[in-house]
């Protein structure tokens, strides 16, 4: 059985002109000709074409493909094994590129307009975009979410550094109060909780005391948040929640 140029072009997803070019340079010469001189491709020709297209996909130029395919004592299975190895390597590199692009997409979607170097300087190994899906699922319908996204979209590196420094100061003072054994419902701890609430309002979204109280519950009850606090000082998450609740009562009674 043999195939016309048009049939082969359709099967392979290439143009008739490409097949004519391969014939002209001796890369793929049809095994048969009709009495009228028309090209007819055999099964062996199709197998060679498959090899050509695979090597082209791997980036080999046509002249190198001709040399590879015409190597003596090299059968189709050898070519396929070689191509499988090369394609596997290429797939690995493409996966790395795809991952990098996805990270860039997520970073842009999160509204944080920083270079990778700036992001590492500010956030370290923590990548906010990794939590975007969960944040949007839990709070995407709220006004606070929309307000926060709108604000952070305009922040520069300098803004993020100031934000981070302010947050670190609040956390450091919270740790010091906890270590000193100050009561969570005492004035010092409640003042720290109020500074934390003000920090959120300044940089992210309006945070009335009832919403701040909900955040305190999340800090203590979500294992991930609790672990982050308690790694600094055992029991810090619960201490902070107590201080936030006490501060909320102080301002609402």
Protein backbone atom coordinates (compact mmCIF):
# COMPACT_ATOMS: atom_id res chain seq x y z
CA UNK A 1 0.00 0.00 0.00
CA UNK A 2 1.25 3.48 -0.83
CA UNK A 3 0.04 7.01 -0.24
CA UNK A 4 -0.07 10.20 -2.28
CA UNK A 5 1.68 13.40 -1.24
CA UNK A 6 -1.62 14.93 -0.17
CA UNK A 7 -2.57 11.92 1.94
CA UNK A 8 0.79 11.88 3.70
CA UNK A 9 0.63 15.62 4.33
CA UNK A 10 -2.76 15.23 6.00
CA UNK A 11 -1.66 12.22 8.04
CA UNK A 12 1.49 13.94 9.28
CA UNK A 13 0.00 17.41 9.74
CA UNK A 14 2.53 19.06 7.46
CA UNK A 15 2.32 20.76 4.08
CA UNK A 16 2.80 19.26 0.64
CA UNK A 17 5.52 21.84 0.09
CA UNK A 18 7.42 20.45 3.10
CA UNK A 19 7.31 16.94 1.61
CA UNK A 20 8.52 18.25 -1.73
CA UNK A 21 11.40 20.00 0.05
CA UNK A 22 12.38 16.83 1.91
CA UNK A 23 12.44 15.02 -1.44
CA UNK A 24 14.52 17.72 -3.11
CA UNK A 25 17.25 17.60 -0.43
CA UNK A 26 17.26 13.80 -0.33
CA UNK A 27 15.96 13.55 3.22
CA UNK A 28 12.78 11.68 2.31
CA UNK A 29 12.54 10.32 -1.20
CA UNK A 30 9.26 8.53 -1.96
CA UNK A 31 9.76 4.83 -2.54
CA UNK A 32 7.42 4.71 -5.52
CA UNK A 33 6.37 6.77 -8.51
CA UNK A 34 3.30 6.40 -10.66
CA UNK A 35 3.56 6.03 -14.43
CA UNK A 36 2.77 9.72 -14.58
CA UNK A 37 5.68 10.57 -12.27
CA UNK A 38 3.63 11.32 -9.16
CA UNK A 39 5.16 10.57 -5.74
CA UNK A 40 3.85 7.62 -3.77
CA UNK A 41 4.98 6.99 -0.18
CA UNK A 42 5.37 3.48 1.22
CA UNK A 43 5.04 2.31 4.81
CA UNK A 44 8.84 2.51 5.16
CA UNK A 45 8.70 6.11 3.93
CA UNK A 46 6.09 6.94 6.57
CA UNK A 47 8.26 5.37 9.28
CA UNK A 48 11.20 7.53 8.16
CA UNK A 49 8.96 10.60 8.09
CA UNK A 50 7.95 9.90 11.69
CA UNK A 51 11.63 9.84 12.66
CA UNK A 52 12.25 13.11 10.80
CA UNK A 53 9.37 14.86 12.52
CA UNK A 54 10.39 13.61 15.95
CA UNK A 55 13.94 14.85 15.50
CA UNK A 56 12.57 18.17 14.21
CA UNK A 57 10.47 18.44 17.36
CA UNK A 58 13.68 17.99 19.33
CA UNK A 59 15.25 20.90 17.48
CA UNK A 60 17.63 19.08 15.14
CA UNK A 61 18.33 20.79 11.80
CA UNK A 62 17.51 18.86 8.64
CA UNK A 63 21.13 18.20 7.65
CA UNK A 64 21.87 16.62 11.03
CA UNK A 65 18.71 14.54 10.83
CA UNK A 66 19.86 13.16 7.48
CA UNK A 67 23.18 12.09 9.00
CA UNK A 68 21.49 10.52 12.04
CA UNK A 69 18.96 8.57 10.00
CA UNK A 70 21.54 7.30 7.55
CA UNK A 71 23.91 6.00 10.23
CA UNK A 72 24.82 2.40 9.42
CA UNK A 73 23.54 -0.35 11.71
CA UNK A 74 20.97 1.94 13.34
CA UNK A 75 17.44 0.57 13.28
CA UNK A 76 14.10 2.18 14.04
CA UNK A 77 14.03 0.91 17.64
CA UNK A 78 17.40 2.54 18.34
CA UNK A 79 16.09 5.85 17.03
CA UNK A 80 12.94 5.57 19.10
CA UNK A 81 14.90 4.88 22.28
CA UNK A 82 17.17 7.83 21.60
CA UNK A 83 14.20 10.06 20.89
CA UNK A 84 12.43 8.91 24.03
CA UNK A 85 15.45 9.88 26.12
CA UNK A 86 15.76 13.26 24.42
CA UNK A 87 12.03 13.96 24.68
CA UNK A 88 12.06 13.02 28.37
CA UNK A 89 14.83 15.54 28.98
CA UNK A 90 12.97 18.16 27.01
CA UNK A 91 9.79 17.44 28.94
CA UNK A 92 11.67 17.99 32.19
CA UNK A 93 12.98 21.35 31.00
CA UNK A 94 9.54 22.34 29.74
CA UNK A 95 8.01 21.39 33.08
CA UNK A 96 10.46 23.73 34.82
CA UNK A 97 9.57 26.53 32.40
CA UNK A 98 5.84 25.87 32.83
CA UNK A 99 6.23 25.94 36.60
CA UNK A 100 8.08 29.25 36.42
CA UNK A 101 5.40 30.74 34.18
CA UNK A 102 2.63 29.49 36.48
CA UNK A 103 4.37 31.10 39.43
CA UNK A 104 4.61 34.36 37.52
CA UNK A 105 0.91 34.14 36.64
CA UNK A 106 -0.01 33.48 40.27
CA UNK A 107 2.20 36.32 41.44
CA UNK A 108 0.56 38.74 39.05
CA UNK A 109 -2.88 37.41 39.97
CA UNK A 110 -2.18 38.02 43.66
CA UNK A 111 -1.58 41.69 42.87
CA UNK A 112 2.00 41.74 44.17
CA UNK A 113 4.05 43.63 41.60
CA UNK A 114 7.62 42.78 42.58
CA UNK A 115 10.59 41.22 40.86
CA UNK A 116 11.56 37.70 42.02
CA UNK A 117 14.56 39.17 43.85
CA UNK A 118 12.40 41.71 45.65
CA UNK A 119 9.84 39.06 46.57
CA UNK A 120 12.54 36.87 48.10
CA UNK A 121 14.00 39.84 49.99
CA UNK A 122 10.60 40.64 51.51
CA UNK A 123 8.92 37.25 51.91
CA UNK A 124 11.87 34.86 51.97
CA UNK A 125 10.78 31.32 51.12
CA UNK A 126 7.12 32.16 51.81
CA UNK A 127 5.15 32.56 48.58
CA UNK A 128 1.81 34.35 49.14
CA UNK A 129 0.47 33.19 45.79
CA UNK A 130 0.56 29.58 46.99
CA UNK A 131 -2.38 30.43 49.24
CA UNK A 132 -4.37 32.49 46.74
CA UNK A 133 -6.82 29.72 45.87
CA UNK A 134 -7.70 29.04 49.50
CA UNK A 135 -7.93 32.74 50.35
CA UNK A 136 -10.24 33.38 47.42
CA UNK A 137 -12.36 30.35 48.27
CA UNK A 138 -12.80 31.42 51.89
CA UNK A 139 -13.02 35.20 51.56
CA UNK A 140 -13.26 36.03 47.85
CA UNK A 141 -16.88 37.11 48.24
CA UNK A 142 -16.11 39.69 50.96
CA UNK A 143 -15.50 43.42 50.70
CA UNK A 144 -12.32 43.01 52.76
CA UNK A 145 -10.86 40.68 50.11
CA UNK A 146 -11.59 43.13 47.30
CA UNK A 147 -10.23 46.04 49.32
CA UNK A 148 -7.02 44.18 50.15
CA UNK A 149 -6.41 43.13 46.55
CA UNK A 150 -6.89 46.70 45.35
CA UNK A 151 -4.48 48.10 47.93
CA UNK A 152 -1.61 45.66 47.53
CA UNK A 153 -1.69 46.02 43.74
CA UNK A 154 -0.19 49.49 44.10
CA UNK A 155 2.48 48.68 46.69
CA UNK A 156 6.12 49.19 45.78
CA UNK A 157 9.10 47.40 47.25
CA UNK A 158 9.51 50.26 49.73
CA UNK A 159 5.87 49.88 50.79
CA UNK A 160 6.29 46.15 51.37
CA UNK A 161 9.47 46.70 53.38
CA UNK A 162 7.71 49.24 55.61
CA UNK A 163 4.75 46.87 55.98
CA UNK A 164 7.04 43.98 56.89
CA UNK A 165 9.00 46.06 59.39
CA UNK A 166 5.82 47.23 61.09
CA UNK A 167 4.44 43.69 61.27
CA UNK A 168 7.73 42.38 62.69
CA UNK A 169 7.69 45.04 65.40
CA UNK A 170 4.17 44.05 66.47
CA UNK A 171 5.14 40.37 66.53
CA UNK A 172 8.35 41.03 68.47
CA UNK A 173 6.45 43.03 71.09
CA UNK A 174 3.82 40.29 71.34
CA UNK A 175 6.54 37.69 71.92
CA UNK A 176 8.20 39.87 74.56
CA UNK A 177 4.89 40.34 76.41
CA UNK A 178 4.19 36.61 76.36
CA UNK A 179 7.68 35.70 77.55
CA UNK A 180 7.46 38.29 80.32
CA UNK A 181 4.30 36.65 81.58
CA UNK A 182 2.14 39.74 81.08
CA UNK A 183 -1.55 38.83 81.21
CA UNK A 184 -3.17 38.48 77.79
CA UNK A 185 -6.09 40.59 78.98
CA UNK A 186 -3.84 43.23 80.51
CA UNK A 187 -3.30 46.71 79.04
CA UNK A 188 0.08 45.95 77.44
CA UNK A 189 -1.09 42.86 75.54
CA UNK A 190 -4.36 44.52 74.54
CA UNK A 191 -2.44 47.53 73.21
CA UNK A 192 -0.35 45.19 71.05
CA UNK A 193 -3.54 43.58 69.73
CA UNK A 194 -4.90 47.02 68.88
CA UNK A 195 -1.69 47.90 67.04
CA UNK A 196 -2.08 44.67 65.06
CA UNK A 197 -5.64 45.62 64.12
CA UNK A 198 -4.44 49.07 63.08
CA UNK A 199 -1.71 47.49 60.98
CA UNK A 200 -4.30 45.47 59.07
CA UNK A 201 -6.48 48.52 58.53
CA UNK A 202 -3.54 50.61 57.37
CA UNK A 203 -2.21 48.14 54.84
CA UNK A 204 -4.97 45.74 53.83
CA UNK A 205 -8.63 46.29 54.68
CA UNK A 206 -11.06 47.79 57.18
CA UNK A 207 -10.88 45.59 60.27
CA UNK A 208 -13.50 46.35 62.94
CA UNK A 209 -13.07 44.63 66.27
CA UNK A 210 -15.57 41.87 65.56
CA UNK A 211 -13.62 40.92 62.41
CA UNK A 212 -10.35 41.15 64.32
CA UNK A 213 -11.79 38.76 66.89
CA UNK A 214 -12.47 36.27 64.07
CA UNK A 215 -8.85 36.59 62.96
CA UNK A 216 -7.72 35.82 66.49
CA UNK A 217 -9.77 32.61 66.40
CA UNK A 218 -8.19 31.62 63.08
CA UNK A 219 -4.69 32.24 64.44
CA UNK A 220 -5.34 29.85 67.31
CA UNK A 221 -7.54 27.24 65.62
CA UNK A 222 -5.97 26.85 62.18
CA UNK A 223 -3.03 24.43 62.70
CA UNK A 224 -0.88 26.28 60.17
CA UNK A 225 -1.27 29.68 61.80
CA UNK A 226 -0.98 28.21 65.28
CA UNK A 227 2.23 26.41 64.37
CA UNK A 228 3.72 29.63 62.98
CA UNK A 229 3.04 31.48 66.24
CA UNK A 230 3.88 28.62 68.57
CA UNK A 231 7.22 28.00 66.88
CA UNK A 232 8.27 31.39 68.21
CA UNK A 233 6.92 30.85 71.70
CA UNK A 234 4.86 27.84 72.82
CA UNK A 235 1.28 28.94 73.45
CA UNK A 236 1.71 32.24 71.61
CA UNK A 237 -1.26 31.64 69.30
CA UNK A 238 -3.67 31.19 72.20
CA UNK A 239 -2.13 34.14 74.03
CA UNK A 240 -2.63 36.36 70.99
CA UNK A 241 -6.26 35.28 70.57
CA UNK A 242 -6.93 36.04 74.22
CA UNK A 243 -5.37 39.49 73.83
CA UNK A 244 -7.39 40.21 70.65
CA UNK A 245 -10.65 39.18 72.30
CA UNK A 246 -9.89 41.22 75.42
CA UNK A 247 -9.06 44.24 73.28
CA UNK A 248 -12.30 43.83 71.32
CA UNK A 249 -14.30 43.77 74.57
CA UNK A 250 -12.47 46.84 75.78
CA UNK A 251 -13.50 48.80 72.70
CA UNK A 252 -17.06 47.52 72.34
CA UNK A 253 -18.30 47.68 75.94
